[in-house]
Each structure stands twice: as C-alpha cells, then as structure tokens.
C-alpha cells in the first residue's frame, strides 16, 4: 500500500524530473473534533507521505485513512467504518502550492507562507488554505501548519444521536521534516 501511495505522489511530480524534491514518509497529521464536556476526539497519523518541489513550491501529500489512530479502538473502529468509510475511501490526499515559495530564501528562522490546494477526503475534493511556518535547518525543510474543515463539506454523515458530541468544525494540523531526494 505504501508503495502504491508513493508512486501516486511521485506521478504528481513526474513532469519535474530535474526539480529539487524534498520528501518525508513520516509526516505527522492530527485532527481534533472535540466539544466541551464530552470525550476528546483526536486522531494522529505519523506516516503521512509528503513531497515538495523546491523549485516552485508545489506540494502533495497522501495519508492512508486507516493510519489515523485514536485513543480508543472503538472510536477508531467507528471512524473507519461509519464516518470515513475507509473500505470505500482508503486515502486522503492534498495537492497544492506554497505561495511565493523560494527555497533560496529559507533560513533557520521560521517564516510564514500561505499553502493553498485541494484536499480530497471521503471522495470529495475541496479547496483549503492554511498558514504554514517553514524553515530550513541541517539540510531539511520543516513545514508546520493548520486549517479547519467541516465534515458536512466532505459528505460525512454524523448520526443525530452523537451530533452534539462531535465538533462541526475539525481542526487539522500537519508537521513535516522533509529531506532532499
């Protein structure tokens, strides 16, 4: 499965054979959909695959949805079977660009950039934008950011009996340490 995902992301950059590419197979993506007074809804994927074309700021990432782990197995099971429907929609992808990205201007001092692109989750493509902190240190590019999404925008159905226990807006955070290919 990881090879298939890696091939898919690599195809995204197929037109950039001579481009400087940075990648990571251990990117961290977390989402949180908790509401006060109810059990925390938090999941993390430590195997997000991400690639950045350092020549033009294009980036792509892929997560196997089953890689998101919750604090309880029951919550994880409900997420995979009822909400994300991972048998039908096994991965989530992002394809986009870091606006005004110039690798030559990266330093060890974090700088703010806007990342815009398309997030595909649950079979639905939706435009997303985030502010990312990006810096370079020890030959790696570090990217950290966050954005919010609404499950309803991705046709995720929340049963009425639990709608008050799950936030209408989900916070998504990402954290990558990418190395040159």
Protein backbone atom coordinates (compact mmCIF):
# COMPACT_ATOMS: atom_id res chain seq x y z
CA UNK A 1 0.00 0.00 0.00
CA UNK A 2 2.81 2.44 0.89
CA UNK A 3 4.50 1.73 -2.47
CA UNK A 4 1.24 2.48 -4.28
CA UNK A 5 0.86 5.76 -2.40
CA UNK A 6 4.50 6.70 -3.07
CA UNK A 7 4.02 6.02 -6.79
CA UNK A 8 0.90 8.18 -6.84
CA UNK A 9 2.65 11.14 -5.22
CA UNK A 10 5.70 10.63 -7.46
CA UNK A 11 3.47 10.76 -10.55
CA UNK A 12 2.25 14.17 -9.38
CA UNK A 13 5.79 15.44 -9.90
CA UNK A 14 6.59 13.36 -12.99
CA UNK A 15 6.98 16.50 -15.09
CA UNK A 16 9.74 17.75 -12.83
CA UNK A 17 12.48 15.20 -13.46
CA UNK A 18 15.20 17.76 -12.76
CA UNK A 19 13.35 19.52 -9.95
CA UNK A 20 14.69 19.64 -6.43
CA UNK A 21 12.36 17.41 -4.45
CA UNK A 22 12.11 17.08 -0.70
CA UNK A 23 10.02 14.37 0.89
CA UNK A 24 9.06 12.56 4.06
CA UNK A 25 7.34 9.26 4.76
CA UNK A 26 6.89 10.11 8.44
CA UNK A 27 4.90 13.32 8.29
CA UNK A 28 2.57 13.91 11.20
CA UNK A 29 -1.06 14.88 10.65
CA UNK A 30 -3.54 15.20 13.51
CA UNK A 31 -7.18 16.15 13.64
CA UNK A 32 -9.29 17.17 16.57
CA UNK A 33 -13.09 17.39 16.66
CA UNK A 34 -13.76 17.61 20.38
CA UNK A 35 -16.50 19.58 22.08
CA UNK A 36 -16.54 20.67 25.74
CA UNK A 37 -17.92 18.20 28.30
CA UNK A 38 -17.60 15.17 26.00
CA UNK A 39 -14.86 12.66 25.24
CA UNK A 40 -11.91 14.07 23.28
CA UNK A 41 -11.96 13.24 19.60
CA UNK A 42 -8.37 13.26 18.47
CA UNK A 43 -6.53 11.14 15.89
CA UNK A 44 -2.99 11.11 14.58
CA UNK A 45 -1.20 9.71 11.52
CA UNK A 46 2.59 9.53 11.78
CA UNK A 47 3.04 8.03 8.31
CA UNK A 48 1.80 10.83 6.07
CA UNK A 49 3.75 10.92 2.82
CA UNK A 50 4.59 14.40 1.55
CA UNK A 51 6.63 15.73 -1.37
CA UNK A 52 7.61 19.34 -2.10
CA UNK A 53 9.04 20.59 -5.38
CA UNK A 54 11.57 23.10 -4.02
CA UNK A 55 11.85 24.82 -7.41
CA UNK A 56 8.25 26.05 -7.49
CA UNK A 57 6.60 25.27 -4.12
CA UNK A 58 4.20 22.61 -5.39
CA UNK A 59 3.40 20.02 -2.77
CA UNK A 60 1.40 16.85 -2.42
CA UNK A 61 0.60 14.55 0.48
CA UNK A 62 -1.16 11.25 0.97
CA UNK A 63 -2.45 9.51 4.09
CA UNK A 64 -3.90 6.08 4.37
CA UNK A 65 -7.03 6.90 6.37
CA UNK A 66 -6.59 3.74 8.49
CA UNK A 67 -3.30 5.23 9.71
CA UNK A 68 -5.21 7.71 11.87
CA UNK A 69 -5.13 6.29 15.38
CA UNK A 70 -7.42 7.29 18.23
CA UNK A 71 -7.00 6.78 21.97
CA UNK A 72 -9.65 4.03 21.96
CA UNK A 73 -10.05 1.20 19.47
CA UNK A 74 -13.84 1.59 19.49
CA UNK A 75 -13.60 5.23 18.42
CA UNK A 76 -11.14 4.23 15.69
CA UNK A 77 -13.47 1.48 14.51
CA UNK A 78 -16.46 3.85 14.35
CA UNK A 79 -14.38 6.42 12.46
CA UNK A 80 -13.16 3.88 9.87
CA UNK A 81 -16.47 2.08 9.36
CA UNK A 82 -19.15 4.74 9.81
CA UNK A 83 -17.64 8.16 9.16
CA UNK A 84 -14.60 7.86 6.88
CA UNK A 85 -15.78 4.64 5.23
CA UNK A 86 -12.18 3.59 4.68
CA UNK A 87 -13.12 0.44 2.75
CA UNK A 88 -14.61 2.72 0.08
CA UNK A 89 -12.29 5.74 0.52
CA UNK A 90 -8.92 4.36 1.72
CA UNK A 91 -6.81 7.51 1.37
CA UNK A 92 -6.91 11.25 1.73
CA UNK A 93 -4.78 13.48 -0.50
CA UNK A 94 -3.68 17.07 -0.75
CA UNK A 95 -2.29 18.71 -3.90
CA UNK A 96 -1.36 22.34 -3.80
CA UNK A 97 1.25 25.03 -3.74
CA UNK A 98 3.14 27.15 -1.23
CA UNK A 99 2.55 30.73 -2.38
CA UNK A 100 5.70 32.80 -3.06
CA UNK A 101 7.94 29.89 -2.08
CA UNK A 102 11.65 30.45 -2.72
CA UNK A 103 13.94 27.81 -1.26
CA UNK A 104 16.94 30.14 -1.54
CA UNK A 105 15.32 32.50 0.99
CA UNK A 106 14.71 29.79 3.62
CA UNK A 107 16.74 30.12 6.80
CA UNK A 108 16.71 28.58 10.27
CA UNK A 109 14.36 31.38 11.25
CA UNK A 110 10.71 30.30 10.67
CA UNK A 111 8.79 32.28 8.05
CA UNK A 112 5.06 32.36 7.34
CA UNK A 113 3.70 31.17 4.00
CA UNK A 114 0.24 30.52 2.60
CA UNK A 115 -0.43 26.99 1.38
CA UNK A 116 -3.39 26.57 -0.99
CA UNK A 117 -4.68 23.50 -2.71
CA UNK A 118 -7.26 20.76 -2.90
CA UNK A 119 -7.95 18.29 -0.11
CA UNK A 120 -9.64 15.06 -1.11
CA UNK A 121 -11.33 13.19 1.73
CA UNK A 122 -14.24 10.77 1.59
CA UNK A 123 -14.24 11.07 -2.20
CA UNK A 124 -14.81 14.84 -2.15
CA UNK A 125 -12.39 17.49 -3.44
CA UNK A 126 -12.48 20.80 -1.59
CA UNK A 127 -10.21 23.85 -1.73
CA UNK A 128 -8.32 24.54 1.50
CA UNK A 129 -5.84 27.18 2.57
CA UNK A 130 -3.58 27.41 5.57
CA UNK A 131 -0.81 29.46 7.02
CA UNK A 132 2.36 27.42 7.37
CA UNK A 133 5.58 28.08 9.20
CA UNK A 134 8.50 26.96 7.05
CA UNK A 135 12.22 26.95 7.72
CA UNK A 136 15.37 25.10 6.70
CA UNK A 137 17.91 23.57 9.06
CA UNK A 138 20.56 20.86 8.71
CA UNK A 139 19.62 20.21 5.08
CA UNK A 140 15.95 19.62 5.85
CA UNK A 141 12.86 21.70 5.16
CA UNK A 142 10.41 21.92 8.07
CA UNK A 143 6.75 22.71 7.42
CA UNK A 144 4.12 23.19 10.14
CA UNK A 145 0.59 24.46 9.73
CA UNK A 146 -3.09 24.01 10.36
CA UNK A 147 -6.50 24.51 8.80
CA UNK A 148 -10.12 23.71 9.56
CA UNK A 149 -12.65 21.61 7.68
CA UNK A 150 -16.30 20.71 8.14
CA UNK A 151 -17.29 17.03 7.92
CA UNK A 152 -20.51 18.05 6.13
CA UNK A 153 -18.42 19.59 3.30
CA UNK A 154 -16.96 16.13 2.67
CA UNK A 155 -20.32 14.36 2.79
CA UNK A 156 -19.51 12.74 6.13
CA UNK A 157 -22.77 11.88 7.87
CA UNK A 158 -22.83 12.27 11.64
CA UNK A 159 -25.67 10.33 13.31
CA UNK A 160 -28.11 12.60 15.17
CA UNK A 161 -27.52 10.79 18.45
CA UNK A 162 -23.86 11.97 18.52
CA UNK A 163 -24.00 15.34 16.70
CA UNK A 164 -23.59 17.26 19.96
CA UNK A 165 -20.50 15.19 20.82
CA UNK A 166 -18.58 15.96 17.61
CA UNK A 167 -17.46 19.45 16.59
CA UNK A 168 -18.96 20.93 13.43
CA UNK A 169 -15.50 22.18 12.52
CA UNK A 170 -12.48 19.87 12.65
CA UNK A 171 -9.00 21.27 13.32
CA UNK A 172 -6.27 19.68 11.20
CA UNK A 173 -2.57 20.18 11.94
CA UNK A 174 0.43 18.98 9.95
CA UNK A 175 4.12 18.81 10.78
CA UNK A 176 6.75 17.68 8.28
CA UNK A 177 10.53 17.32 8.25
CA UNK A 178 11.50 16.77 4.60
CA UNK A 179 14.83 15.63 3.22
CA UNK A 180 16.24 16.16 -0.26
CA UNK A 181 15.65 13.33 -2.72
